[in-house]
């Protein structure tokens, strides 16, 4: 390895592998699901093509990322190995830790709706409920499905069939609700919209009947 802290410490050896700029953001993208190279470029605005390729090579070398062909055999997909997937708890913890710096809002920063998957996994309580609740959270016309049932919370990119409710809004409103910085009513006053069952929305987001 070209760069190392040279310390016999679990944190130092982890940072030898994931401490470089863009590396954890690549992991964030792949925690949502396997992705093609151009999908990673779109999800990492500002990364140089040669730097992305370099980071992916290093992650492959370290056994964090692997490549495979898609079902049609026409495209190469990057995906996390089991070792890479083990980073999810650390990534979610960092999202929660960074909540303080999210409070001022989006400002001029870029946002991708796909990032809501990791943010909602981090910020929403992982508690089971009954009856089940299945909703869509939409930003820039891109839906994220939030489900909560007897096993707990699941969040995935994409639409769901017959959602019980739909929350539509900008990233500041949606993340503000998830982080409990603003209430649903306050977010709606700022331009967000709730369609369908408000009770189902509250069950899915907060694991309880009222927020």
N, C-alpha and C. Protein backbone atom coordinates (compact mmCIF):
# COMPACT_ATOMS: atom_id res chain seq x y z
N UNK A 1 0.85 -1.19 0.00
CA UNK A 1 0.00 0.00 0.00
C UNK A 1 0.89 1.24 0.00
N UNK A 2 0.61 2.19 -0.89
CA UNK A 2 1.46 3.36 -1.03
C UNK A 2 1.35 4.29 0.17
N UNK A 3 0.13 4.43 0.72
CA UNK A 3 -0.07 5.36 1.81
C UNK A 3 -0.62 4.62 3.01
N UNK A 4 0.04 4.80 4.15
CA UNK A 4 -0.42 4.15 5.36
C UNK A 4 0.00 4.98 6.56
N UNK A 5 -0.82 4.93 7.59
CA UNK A 5 -0.44 5.61 8.84
C UNK A 5 0.65 4.84 9.57
N UNK A 6 0.81 3.56 9.25
CA UNK A 6 1.84 2.77 9.89
C UNK A 6 1.60 2.55 11.37
N UNK A 7 0.32 2.50 11.76
CA UNK A 7 -0.03 2.31 13.17
C UNK A 7 -0.80 1.01 13.35
N UNK A 8 -0.43 0.26 14.39
CA UNK A 8 -1.15 -0.98 14.70
C UNK A 8 -2.39 -0.63 15.52
N UNK A 9 -3.40 -0.13 14.81
CA UNK A 9 -4.63 0.35 15.43
C UNK A 9 -5.75 0.11 14.43
N UNK A 10 -6.88 -0.41 14.90
CA UNK A 10 -7.98 -0.71 13.99
C UNK A 10 -8.47 0.50 13.24
N UNK A 11 -8.53 1.66 13.92
CA UNK A 11 -8.98 2.88 13.25
C UNK A 11 -7.99 3.29 12.17
N UNK A 12 -6.71 3.26 12.49
CA UNK A 12 -5.69 3.66 11.51
C UNK A 12 -5.71 2.73 10.31
N UNK A 13 -5.84 1.44 10.54
CA UNK A 13 -5.84 0.50 9.41
C UNK A 13 -7.12 0.61 8.59
N UNK A 14 -8.22 0.98 9.23
CA UNK A 14 -9.44 1.25 8.46
C UNK A 14 -9.25 2.49 7.59
N UNK A 15 -8.68 3.54 8.17
CA UNK A 15 -8.49 4.77 7.42
C UNK A 15 -7.45 4.61 6.32
N UNK A 16 -6.51 3.68 6.48
CA UNK A 16 -5.60 3.36 5.37
C UNK A 16 -6.39 2.99 4.12
N UNK A 17 -7.57 2.41 4.31
CA UNK A 17 -8.35 1.87 3.20
C UNK A 17 -9.53 2.75 2.78
N UNK A 18 -10.11 3.48 3.72
CA UNK A 18 -11.31 4.25 3.36
C UNK A 18 -11.20 5.73 3.74
N UNK A 19 -10.00 6.16 4.11
CA UNK A 19 -9.85 7.53 4.58
C UNK A 19 -9.60 8.57 3.50
N UNK A 20 -9.41 8.13 2.25
CA UNK A 20 -9.14 9.08 1.18
C UNK A 20 -10.41 9.79 0.75
N UNK A 21 -10.24 10.99 0.19
CA UNK A 21 -11.37 11.78 -0.32
C UNK A 21 -12.14 10.97 -1.36
N UNK A 22 -13.45 10.99 -1.30
CA UNK A 22 -14.41 10.34 -2.19
C UNK A 22 -14.66 8.86 -1.85
N UNK A 23 -13.77 8.23 -1.09
CA UNK A 23 -13.91 6.78 -0.90
C UNK A 23 -15.21 6.42 -0.18
N UNK A 24 -15.50 7.08 0.93
CA UNK A 24 -16.73 6.75 1.66
C UNK A 24 -17.97 7.16 0.89
N UNK A 25 -17.86 8.17 0.02
CA UNK A 25 -19.01 8.54 -0.80
C UNK A 25 -19.27 7.48 -1.88
N UNK A 26 -18.23 6.84 -2.37
CA UNK A 26 -18.42 5.70 -3.27
C UNK A 26 -19.13 4.58 -2.52
N UNK A 27 -18.71 4.32 -1.29
CA UNK A 27 -19.38 3.31 -0.47
C UNK A 27 -20.84 3.67 -0.26
N UNK A 28 -21.12 4.97 0.01
CA UNK A 28 -22.51 5.40 0.16
C UNK A 28 -23.35 5.05 -1.07
N UNK A 29 -22.81 5.33 -2.26
CA UNK A 29 -23.54 5.02 -3.49
C UNK A 29 -23.83 3.54 -3.61
N UNK A 30 -22.86 2.71 -3.26
CA UNK A 30 -23.01 1.27 -3.44
C UNK A 30 -23.82 0.63 -2.32
N UNK A 31 -23.97 1.31 -1.19
CA UNK A 31 -24.88 0.82 -0.16
C UNK A 31 -26.33 0.89 -0.63
N UNK A 32 -26.63 1.80 -1.55
CA UNK A 32 -27.97 1.88 -2.13
C UNK A 32 -28.21 0.68 -3.04
N UNK A 33 -27.15 0.23 -3.74
CA UNK A 33 -27.25 -0.92 -4.64
C UNK A 33 -26.12 -0.90 -5.65
N UNK A 34 -25.93 -2.00 -6.38
CA UNK A 34 -24.90 -2.05 -7.42
C UNK A 34 -25.09 -0.92 -8.43
N UNK A 35 -23.98 -0.45 -8.99
CA UNK A 35 -24.05 0.70 -9.89
C UNK A 35 -23.03 0.57 -11.00
N UNK A 36 -23.39 1.10 -12.17
CA UNK A 36 -22.44 1.19 -13.27
C UNK A 36 -21.50 2.37 -13.03
N UNK A 37 -20.42 2.40 -13.77
CA UNK A 37 -19.44 3.47 -13.60
C UNK A 37 -20.08 4.83 -13.83
N UNK A 38 -20.89 4.95 -14.88
CA UNK A 38 -21.50 6.26 -15.16
C UNK A 38 -22.53 6.63 -14.11
N UNK A 39 -23.16 5.64 -13.46
CA UNK A 39 -24.06 5.94 -12.36
C UNK A 39 -23.29 6.52 -11.17
N UNK A 40 -22.12 5.96 -10.94
CA UNK A 40 -21.27 6.48 -9.86
C UNK A 40 -20.82 7.90 -10.17
N UNK A 41 -20.48 8.16 -11.41
CA UNK A 41 -20.11 9.53 -11.80
C UNK A 41 -21.25 10.50 -11.53
N UNK A 42 -22.47 10.10 -11.87
CA UNK A 42 -23.62 10.97 -11.66
C UNK A 42 -23.89 11.18 -10.17
N UNK A 43 -23.68 10.16 -9.38
CA UNK A 43 -23.92 10.25 -7.95
C UNK A 43 -22.81 10.93 -7.18
N UNK A 44 -21.70 11.21 -7.85
CA UNK A 44 -20.55 11.85 -7.20
C UNK A 44 -20.16 13.10 -7.97
N UNK A 45 -21.05 14.09 -8.04
CA UNK A 45 -20.74 15.29 -8.83
C UNK A 45 -19.48 15.97 -8.32
N UNK A 46 -18.59 16.25 -9.26
CA UNK A 46 -17.33 16.90 -8.90
C UNK A 46 -16.14 15.98 -8.88
N UNK A 47 -16.35 14.65 -8.91
CA UNK A 47 -15.21 13.74 -8.88
C UNK A 47 -14.60 13.65 -10.28
N UNK A 48 -13.29 13.67 -10.34
CA UNK A 48 -12.59 13.51 -11.62
C UNK A 48 -12.64 12.05 -12.05
N UNK A 49 -12.77 11.82 -13.36
CA UNK A 49 -12.90 10.45 -13.87
C UNK A 49 -11.72 9.58 -13.47
N UNK A 50 -10.51 10.13 -13.61
CA UNK A 50 -9.33 9.32 -13.27
C UNK A 50 -9.26 9.03 -11.77
N UNK A 51 -9.73 9.98 -10.94
CA UNK A 51 -9.71 9.76 -9.49
C UNK A 51 -10.73 8.70 -9.09
N UNK A 52 -11.92 8.74 -9.70
CA UNK A 52 -12.93 7.71 -9.42
C UNK A 52 -12.40 6.33 -9.78
N UNK A 53 -11.78 6.23 -10.95
CA UNK A 53 -11.21 4.94 -11.39
C UNK A 53 -10.14 4.47 -10.41
N UNK A 54 -9.32 5.40 -9.94
CA UNK A 54 -8.26 5.04 -8.99
C UNK A 54 -8.84 4.54 -7.67
N UNK A 55 -9.85 5.26 -7.18
CA UNK A 55 -10.46 4.85 -5.91
C UNK A 55 -11.12 3.48 -6.04
N UNK A 56 -11.80 3.23 -7.16
CA UNK A 56 -12.44 1.93 -7.36
C UNK A 56 -11.41 0.82 -7.43
N UNK A 57 -10.29 1.07 -8.10
CA UNK A 57 -9.23 0.05 -8.15
C UNK A 57 -8.72 -0.27 -6.76
N UNK A 58 -8.52 0.77 -5.94
CA UNK A 58 -8.02 0.55 -4.59
C UNK A 58 -9.03 -0.21 -3.74
N UNK A 59 -10.31 0.15 -3.88
CA UNK A 59 -11.35 -0.55 -3.13
C UNK A 59 -11.45 -2.02 -3.56
N UNK A 60 -11.26 -2.28 -4.84
CA UNK A 60 -11.23 -3.68 -5.30
C UNK A 60 -10.02 -4.40 -4.71
N UNK A 61 -8.88 -3.74 -4.74
CA UNK A 61 -7.65 -4.34 -4.22
C UNK A 61 -7.81 -4.71 -2.75
N UNK A 62 -8.53 -3.88 -1.99
CA UNK A 62 -8.70 -4.11 -0.56
C UNK A 62 -9.88 -5.04 -0.25
N UNK A 63 -10.57 -5.53 -1.27
CA UNK A 63 -11.66 -6.46 -1.05
C UNK A 63 -12.94 -5.83 -0.55
N UNK A 64 -13.10 -4.51 -0.80
CA UNK A 64 -14.29 -3.80 -0.35
C UNK A 64 -15.33 -3.73 -1.46
N UNK A 65 -14.88 -3.64 -2.70
CA UNK A 65 -15.74 -3.56 -3.89
C UNK A 65 -15.36 -4.67 -4.85
N UNK A 66 -16.35 -5.18 -5.59
CA UNK A 66 -16.08 -6.15 -6.65
C UNK A 66 -16.88 -5.78 -7.89
N UNK A 67 -16.46 -6.32 -9.02
CA UNK A 67 -17.16 -6.08 -10.28
C UNK A 67 -17.84 -7.36 -10.74
N UNK A 68 -18.98 -7.19 -11.44
CA UNK A 68 -19.65 -8.30 -12.10
C UNK A 68 -20.43 -7.75 -13.28
N UNK A 69 -20.83 -8.63 -14.19
CA UNK A 69 -21.66 -8.23 -15.31
C UNK A 69 -23.12 -8.20 -14.89
N UNK A 70 -23.90 -7.29 -15.48
CA UNK A 70 -25.33 -7.27 -15.19
C UNK A 70 -26.00 -8.50 -15.81
N UNK A 71 -27.30 -8.65 -15.58
CA UNK A 71 -28.01 -9.84 -16.02
C UNK A 71 -27.93 -10.05 -17.52
N UNK A 72 -27.88 -8.95 -18.29
CA UNK A 72 -27.79 -9.07 -19.74
C UNK A 72 -26.37 -9.24 -20.24
N UNK A 73 -25.40 -9.10 -19.36
CA UNK A 73 -24.01 -9.26 -19.74
C UNK A 73 -23.42 -8.11 -20.52
N UNK A 74 -24.16 -6.99 -20.59
CA UNK A 74 -23.69 -5.88 -21.40
C UNK A 74 -23.01 -4.77 -20.64
N UNK A 75 -23.16 -4.74 -19.30
CA UNK A 75 -22.59 -3.66 -18.50
C UNK A 75 -21.88 -4.23 -17.28
N UNK A 76 -20.82 -3.55 -16.89
CA UNK A 76 -20.11 -3.90 -15.66
C UNK A 76 -20.76 -3.17 -14.50
N UNK A 77 -21.08 -3.92 -13.45
CA UNK A 77 -21.63 -3.34 -12.23
C UNK A 77 -20.60 -3.41 -11.12
N UNK A 78 -20.52 -2.35 -10.36
CA UNK A 78 -19.71 -2.34 -9.14
C UNK A 78 -20.65 -2.59 -7.97
N UNK A 79 -20.22 -3.42 -7.03
CA UNK A 79 -21.01 -3.69 -5.84
C UNK A 79 -20.10 -3.94 -4.66
N UNK A 80 -20.65 -3.77 -3.47
CA UNK A 80 -19.87 -4.01 -2.26
C UNK A 80 -19.75 -5.51 -2.00
N UNK A 81 -18.60 -5.91 -1.51
CA UNK A 81 -18.44 -7.26 -1.00
C UNK A 81 -19.06 -7.32 0.40
N UNK A 82 -19.03 -8.48 1.01
CA UNK A 82 -19.54 -8.57 2.38
C UNK A 82 -18.73 -7.68 3.32
N UNK A 83 -17.44 -7.57 3.07
CA UNK A 83 -16.59 -6.67 3.88
C UNK A 83 -17.03 -5.22 3.67
N UNK A 84 -17.31 -4.85 2.43
CA UNK A 84 -17.77 -3.50 2.15
C UNK A 84 -19.12 -3.21 2.76
N UNK A 85 -20.02 -4.18 2.69
CA UNK A 85 -21.36 -3.98 3.27
C UNK A 85 -21.31 -3.79 4.77
N UNK A 86 -20.27 -4.32 5.41
CA UNK A 86 -20.12 -4.14 6.86
C UNK A 86 -19.85 -2.69 7.24
N UNK A 87 -19.57 -1.84 6.25
CA UNK A 87 -19.36 -0.42 6.53
C UNK A 87 -20.66 0.34 6.75
N UNK A 88 -21.81 -0.30 6.51
CA UNK A 88 -23.07 0.44 6.58
C UNK A 88 -23.29 1.09 7.94
N UNK A 89 -23.05 0.35 9.02
CA UNK A 89 -23.29 0.93 10.34
C UNK A 89 -22.41 2.16 10.56
N UNK A 90 -21.16 2.11 10.11
CA UNK A 90 -20.26 3.25 10.27
C UNK A 90 -20.74 4.44 9.44
N UNK A 91 -21.20 4.19 8.21
CA UNK A 91 -21.69 5.26 7.36
C UNK A 91 -22.94 5.89 7.96
N UNK A 92 -23.87 5.07 8.44
CA UNK A 92 -25.10 5.60 9.03
C UNK A 92 -24.78 6.42 10.28
N UNK A 93 -23.81 5.96 11.06
CA UNK A 93 -23.41 6.72 12.25
C UNK A 93 -22.84 8.09 11.87
N UNK A 94 -22.08 8.14 10.79
CA UNK A 94 -21.52 9.42 10.34
C UNK A 94 -22.62 10.35 9.82
N UNK A 95 -23.63 9.78 9.15
CA UNK A 95 -24.77 10.60 8.71
C UNK A 95 -25.46 11.22 9.92
N UNK A 96 -25.69 10.42 10.95
CA UNK A 96 -26.33 10.95 12.16
C UNK A 96 -25.45 12.00 12.83
N UNK A 97 -24.15 11.76 12.87
CA UNK A 97 -23.22 12.70 13.49
C UNK A 97 -23.20 14.02 12.73
N UNK A 98 -23.37 13.95 11.41
CA UNK A 98 -23.33 15.15 10.58
C UNK A 98 -24.61 15.96 10.57
N UNK A 99 -25.61 15.53 11.34
CA UNK A 99 -26.91 16.20 11.33
C UNK A 99 -26.79 17.67 11.71
N UNK A 100 -25.88 18.00 12.61
CA UNK A 100 -25.70 19.39 13.05
C UNK A 100 -25.39 20.30 11.87
N UNK A 101 -24.59 19.82 10.93
CA UNK A 101 -24.16 20.65 9.80
C UNK A 101 -25.18 20.65 8.67
N UNK A 102 -26.24 19.86 8.82
CA UNK A 102 -27.32 19.86 7.84
C UNK A 102 -28.40 20.88 8.17
N UNK A 103 -28.45 21.33 9.41
CA UNK A 103 -29.54 22.19 9.86
C UNK A 103 -29.68 23.49 9.08
N UNK A 104 -28.58 24.12 8.61
CA UNK A 104 -28.77 25.37 7.85
C UNK A 104 -29.46 25.19 6.50
N UNK A 105 -29.63 23.96 6.03
CA UNK A 105 -30.31 23.72 4.76
C UNK A 105 -29.34 23.46 3.62
N UNK A 106 -29.90 23.26 2.44
CA UNK A 106 -29.10 22.84 1.28
C UNK A 106 -28.17 23.92 0.77
N UNK A 107 -28.63 25.16 0.75
CA UNK A 107 -27.81 26.22 0.18
C UNK A 107 -27.51 25.96 -1.28
N UNK A 108 -26.26 26.12 -1.68
CA UNK A 108 -25.85 25.91 -3.06
C UNK A 108 -25.34 24.49 -3.32
N UNK A 109 -25.43 23.63 -2.32
CA UNK A 109 -24.89 22.28 -2.46
C UNK A 109 -25.74 21.43 -3.41
N UNK A 110 -25.07 20.52 -4.12
CA UNK A 110 -25.74 19.57 -5.00
C UNK A 110 -26.47 18.52 -4.18
N UNK A 111 -27.55 17.99 -4.73
CA UNK A 111 -28.28 16.92 -4.06
C UNK A 111 -28.76 15.92 -5.10
N UNK A 112 -28.73 14.64 -4.74
CA UNK A 112 -29.29 13.57 -5.55
C UNK A 112 -30.34 12.84 -4.72
N UNK A 113 -31.55 12.63 -5.26
CA UNK A 113 -32.60 11.93 -4.50
C UNK A 113 -32.16 10.56 -3.99
N UNK A 114 -31.27 9.91 -4.72
CA UNK A 114 -30.76 8.59 -4.31
C UNK A 114 -30.14 8.64 -2.91
N UNK A 115 -29.58 9.78 -2.55
CA UNK A 115 -28.93 9.90 -1.24
C UNK A 115 -29.91 9.80 -0.09
N UNK A 116 -31.21 10.01 -0.38
CA UNK A 116 -32.21 9.89 0.68
C UNK A 116 -32.25 8.49 1.27
N UNK A 117 -31.89 7.49 0.48
CA UNK A 117 -31.95 6.11 0.98
C UNK A 117 -31.08 5.97 2.22
N UNK A 118 -29.83 6.41 2.14
CA UNK A 118 -28.91 6.28 3.26
C UNK A 118 -29.31 7.23 4.39
N UNK A 119 -29.72 8.45 4.02
CA UNK A 119 -30.12 9.41 5.06
C UNK A 119 -31.30 8.91 5.87
N UNK A 120 -32.31 8.37 5.20
CA UNK A 120 -33.49 7.89 5.92
C UNK A 120 -33.18 6.64 6.74
N UNK A 121 -32.33 5.76 6.23
CA UNK A 121 -31.91 4.61 7.03
C UNK A 121 -31.23 5.07 8.31
N UNK A 122 -30.46 6.15 8.20
CA UNK A 122 -29.71 6.64 9.37
C UNK A 122 -30.60 7.38 10.36
N UNK A 123 -31.52 8.20 9.85
CA UNK A 123 -32.23 9.15 10.70
C UNK A 123 -33.55 8.63 11.26
N UNK A 124 -34.19 7.70 10.56
CA UNK A 124 -35.47 7.20 11.04
C UNK A 124 -35.27 6.08 12.06
N UNK A 125 -36.15 5.96 13.05
CA UNK A 125 -36.00 4.90 14.04
C UNK A 125 -36.21 3.52 13.41
N UNK A 126 -35.37 2.58 13.81
CA UNK A 126 -35.46 1.22 13.27
C UNK A 126 -36.31 0.38 14.22
N UNK A 127 -37.60 0.68 14.26
CA UNK A 127 -38.49 0.01 15.20
C UNK A 127 -39.62 -0.69 14.44
N UNK A 128 -40.04 -1.88 14.89
CA UNK A 128 -41.14 -2.58 14.23
C UNK A 128 -42.48 -1.96 14.59
N UNK A 129 -43.46 -2.14 13.72
CA UNK A 129 -44.82 -1.69 14.00
C UNK A 129 -45.82 -2.70 13.44
N UNK A 130 -47.04 -2.56 13.89
CA UNK A 130 -48.17 -3.29 13.32
C UNK A 130 -49.39 -2.38 13.47
N UNK A 131 -50.18 -2.17 12.41
CA UNK A 131 -50.07 -2.76 11.08
C UNK A 131 -48.93 -2.16 10.27
N UNK A 132 -48.62 -2.84 9.16
CA UNK A 132 -47.54 -2.40 8.29
C UNK A 132 -47.86 -1.05 7.66
N UNK A 133 -46.80 -0.34 7.28
CA UNK A 133 -46.97 0.93 6.57
C UNK A 133 -45.95 1.00 5.43
N UNK A 134 -46.42 1.40 4.26
CA UNK A 134 -45.57 1.50 3.07
C UNK A 134 -45.85 2.85 2.41
N UNK A 135 -44.84 3.69 2.30
CA UNK A 135 -45.04 5.03 1.73
C UNK A 135 -43.94 5.32 0.71
N UNK A 136 -44.15 6.39 -0.05
CA UNK A 136 -43.13 6.91 -0.94
C UNK A 136 -42.72 8.30 -0.48
N UNK A 137 -41.43 8.56 -0.54
CA UNK A 137 -40.88 9.89 -0.30
C UNK A 137 -40.30 10.35 -1.63
N UNK A 138 -40.80 11.45 -2.16
CA UNK A 138 -40.42 11.90 -3.50
C UNK A 138 -39.71 13.25 -3.47
N UNK A 139 -38.59 13.30 -4.15
CA UNK A 139 -37.83 14.54 -4.30
C UNK A 139 -37.39 14.62 -5.75
N UNK A 140 -37.65 15.73 -6.41
CA UNK A 140 -37.30 15.89 -7.83
C UNK A 140 -37.90 14.76 -8.68
N UNK A 141 -39.12 14.35 -8.36
CA UNK A 141 -39.85 13.31 -9.09
C UNK A 141 -39.18 11.95 -9.03
N UNK A 142 -38.29 11.74 -8.07
CA UNK A 142 -37.62 10.44 -7.88
C UNK A 142 -38.10 9.85 -6.56
N UNK A 143 -38.79 8.71 -6.59
CA UNK A 143 -39.34 8.15 -5.35
C UNK A 143 -38.37 7.24 -4.60
N UNK A 144 -38.50 7.29 -3.29
CA UNK A 144 -37.83 6.35 -2.38
C UNK A 144 -38.92 5.68 -1.58
N UNK A 145 -38.87 4.36 -1.48
CA UNK A 145 -39.88 3.61 -0.75
C UNK A 145 -39.43 3.37 0.68
N UNK A 146 -40.30 3.73 1.61
CA UNK A 146 -40.05 3.50 3.04
C UNK A 146 -41.11 2.52 3.53
N UNK A 147 -40.67 1.38 4.05
CA UNK A 147 -41.58 0.36 4.57
C UNK A 147 -41.25 0.10 6.04
N UNK A 148 -42.28 -0.09 6.81
CA UNK A 148 -42.09 -0.48 8.21
C UNK A 148 -43.12 -1.55 8.54
N UNK A 149 -42.63 -2.64 9.12
CA UNK A 149 -43.52 -3.75 9.49
C UNK A 149 -43.01 -4.38 10.77
N UNK A 150 -43.40 -5.61 11.02
CA UNK A 150 -43.04 -6.27 12.27
C UNK A 150 -41.54 -6.54 12.38
N UNK A 151 -40.82 -6.48 11.25
CA UNK A 151 -39.37 -6.70 11.29
C UNK A 151 -38.59 -5.40 11.43
N UNK A 152 -39.22 -4.26 11.26
CA UNK A 152 -38.53 -2.99 11.39
C UNK A 152 -38.62 -2.15 10.13
N UNK A 153 -37.60 -1.34 9.90
CA UNK A 153 -37.57 -0.35 8.82
C UNK A 153 -36.80 -0.87 7.61
N UNK A 154 -37.29 -0.58 6.41
CA UNK A 154 -36.51 -0.81 5.19
C UNK A 154 -36.71 0.39 4.27
N UNK A 155 -35.64 0.79 3.60
CA UNK A 155 -35.67 1.94 2.69
C UNK A 155 -34.98 1.53 1.41
N UNK A 156 -35.61 1.79 0.26
CA UNK A 156 -35.03 1.40 -1.03
C UNK A 156 -35.34 2.47 -2.07
N UNK A 157 -34.45 2.61 -3.02
CA UNK A 157 -34.64 3.58 -4.09
C UNK A 157 -35.64 3.02 -5.09
N UNK A 158 -36.61 3.85 -5.49
CA UNK A 158 -37.60 3.44 -6.47
C UNK A 158 -39.01 3.47 -5.91
N UNK A 159 -39.98 3.31 -6.81
CA UNK A 159 -41.39 3.39 -6.44
C UNK A 159 -41.87 2.07 -5.86
N UNK A 160 -43.01 2.12 -5.20
CA UNK A 160 -43.67 0.94 -4.67
C UNK A 160 -45.10 0.90 -5.19
N UNK A 161 -45.66 -0.29 -5.24
CA UNK A 161 -47.04 -0.43 -5.71
C UNK A 161 -48.02 -0.06 -4.61
N UNK A 162 -48.95 0.81 -4.92
CA UNK A 162 -50.02 1.22 -4.02
C UNK A 162 -49.50 1.70 -2.66
N UNK A 163 -48.70 2.75 -2.64
CA UNK A 163 -48.26 3.29 -1.34
C UNK A 163 -49.45 3.85 -0.57
N UNK A 164 -49.39 3.75 0.73
CA UNK A 164 -50.48 4.26 1.56
C UNK A 164 -50.43 5.78 1.69
N UNK A 165 -49.24 6.35 1.47
CA UNK A 165 -49.09 7.79 1.54
C UNK A 165 -47.86 8.18 0.73
N UNK A 166 -47.81 9.45 0.38
CA UNK A 166 -46.65 9.98 -0.36
C UNK A 166 -46.28 11.34 0.20
N UNK A 167 -45.00 11.49 0.53
CA UNK A 167 -44.46 12.78 0.97
C UNK A 167 -43.61 13.34 -0.15
N UNK A 168 -43.96 14.52 -0.65
CA UNK A 168 -43.22 15.16 -1.73
C UNK A 168 -42.66 16.48 -1.22
N UNK A 169 -41.39 16.72 -1.51
CA UNK A 169 -40.79 17.97 -1.06
C UNK A 169 -39.35 18.08 -1.47
N UNK A 170 -38.71 19.16 -1.09
CA UNK A 170 -37.30 19.35 -1.36
C UNK A 170 -36.46 18.64 -0.32
N UNK A 171 -35.16 18.51 -0.56
CA UNK A 171 -34.30 17.78 0.38
C UNK A 171 -34.28 18.40 1.78
N UNK A 172 -34.32 19.72 1.87
CA UNK A 172 -34.28 20.35 3.19
C UNK A 172 -35.52 19.98 4.00
N UNK A 173 -36.70 19.95 3.35
CA UNK A 173 -37.92 19.61 4.06
C UNK A 173 -37.92 18.14 4.47
N UNK A 174 -37.57 17.26 3.53
CA UNK A 174 -37.62 15.82 3.82
C UNK A 174 -36.60 15.44 4.88
N UNK A 175 -35.37 15.92 4.74
CA UNK A 175 -34.35 15.60 5.73
C UNK A 175 -34.65 16.28 7.07
N UNK A 176 -35.27 17.46 7.02
CA UNK A 176 -35.65 18.12 8.25
C UNK A 176 -36.67 17.32 9.04
N UNK A 177 -37.63 16.72 8.34
CA UNK A 177 -38.61 15.86 9.00
C UNK A 177 -37.92 14.63 9.58
N UNK A 178 -37.09 13.99 8.79
CA UNK A 178 -36.43 12.76 9.25
C UNK A 178 -35.53 13.00 10.46
N UNK A 179 -34.89 14.17 10.49
CA UNK A 179 -33.99 14.50 11.59
C UNK A 179 -34.71 15.13 12.77
N UNK A 180 -36.04 15.28 12.67
CA UNK A 180 -36.86 15.90 13.70
C UNK A 180 -36.49 17.37 13.93
N UNK A 181 -35.97 18.02 12.90
CA UNK A 181 -35.68 19.45 12.97
C UNK A 181 -36.95 20.25 12.73
N UNK A 182 -37.80 19.74 11.85
CA UNK A 182 -39.11 20.36 11.58
C UNK A 182 -40.18 19.29 11.65
N UNK A 183 -41.41 19.70 11.91
CA UNK A 183 -42.53 18.78 11.90
C UNK A 183 -43.06 18.64 10.48
N UNK A 184 -43.91 17.65 10.27
CA UNK A 184 -44.53 17.48 8.96
C UNK A 184 -45.33 18.74 8.60
N UNK A 185 -46.06 19.28 9.56
CA UNK A 185 -46.85 20.48 9.28
C UNK A 185 -45.96 21.66 8.89
N UNK A 186 -44.84 21.83 9.58
CA UNK A 186 -43.92 22.92 9.25
C UNK A 186 -43.33 22.73 7.86
N UNK A 187 -43.00 21.48 7.52
CA UNK A 187 -42.46 21.21 6.18
C UNK A 187 -43.49 21.50 5.11
N UNK A 188 -44.74 21.17 5.39
CA UNK A 188 -45.81 21.45 4.41
C UNK A 188 -46.02 22.95 4.25
N UNK A 189 -45.84 23.70 5.31
CA UNK A 189 -45.92 25.16 5.22
C UNK A 189 -44.81 25.72 4.35
N UNK A 190 -43.67 24.98 4.28
CA UNK A 190 -42.54 25.42 3.48
C UNK A 190 -42.59 24.90 2.04
N UNK A 191 -43.64 24.14 1.71
CA UNK A 191 -43.79 23.69 0.33
C UNK A 191 -43.90 22.20 0.12
N UNK A 192 -43.67 21.40 1.17
CA UNK A 192 -43.84 19.94 1.05
C UNK A 192 -45.32 19.61 0.96
N UNK A 193 -45.63 18.38 0.53
CA UNK A 193 -47.03 17.96 0.37
C UNK A 193 -47.19 16.50 0.80
N UNK A 194 -48.28 16.22 1.48
CA UNK A 194 -48.61 14.85 1.88
C UNK A 194 -49.87 14.43 1.15
N UNK A 195 -49.82 13.32 0.44
CA UNK A 195 -50.98 12.72 -0.22
C UNK A 195 -51.23 11.35 0.40
N UNK A 196 -52.52 11.00 0.55
CA UNK A 196 -52.84 9.71 1.13
C UNK A 196 -53.07 9.82 2.63
N UNK A 197 -52.72 8.75 3.35
CA UNK A 197 -53.02 8.64 4.77
C UNK A 197 -51.94 9.28 5.64
N UNK A 198 -52.25 10.38 6.35
CA UNK A 198 -51.26 10.96 7.27
C UNK A 198 -50.84 9.99 8.36
N UNK A 199 -51.78 9.13 8.80
CA UNK A 199 -51.44 8.15 9.84
C UNK A 199 -50.42 7.15 9.34
N UNK A 200 -50.57 6.68 8.09
CA UNK A 200 -49.60 5.75 7.51
C UNK A 200 -48.24 6.41 7.36
N UNK A 201 -48.23 7.69 7.00
CA UNK A 201 -46.98 8.42 6.88
C UNK A 201 -46.27 8.48 8.23
N UNK A 202 -47.02 8.80 9.27
CA UNK A 202 -46.41 8.89 10.61
C UNK A 202 -45.90 7.53 11.08
N UNK A 203 -46.67 6.46 10.77
CA UNK A 203 -46.22 5.13 11.19
C UNK A 203 -44.91 4.76 10.48
N UNK A 204 -44.83 5.05 9.18
CA UNK A 204 -43.64 4.69 8.43
C UNK A 204 -42.42 5.50 8.87
N UNK A 205 -42.63 6.79 9.07
CA UNK A 205 -41.48 7.65 9.40
C UNK A 205 -41.07 7.58 10.86
N UNK A 206 -42.06 7.50 11.74
CA UNK A 206 -41.75 7.65 13.16
C UNK A 206 -42.07 6.41 14.01
N UNK A 207 -42.61 5.36 13.38
CA UNK A 207 -42.94 4.12 14.09
C UNK A 207 -43.97 4.34 15.18
N UNK A 208 -44.86 5.32 14.97
CA UNK A 208 -45.94 5.55 15.91
C UNK A 208 -47.09 6.25 15.20
N UNK A 209 -48.21 6.32 15.85
CA UNK A 209 -49.41 6.81 15.19
C UNK A 209 -49.44 8.32 15.05
N UNK A 210 -48.70 9.04 15.85
CA UNK A 210 -48.71 10.49 15.76
C UNK A 210 -47.29 11.02 15.85
N UNK A 211 -47.06 12.21 15.26
CA UNK A 211 -45.72 12.81 15.24
C UNK A 211 -45.75 14.14 15.93
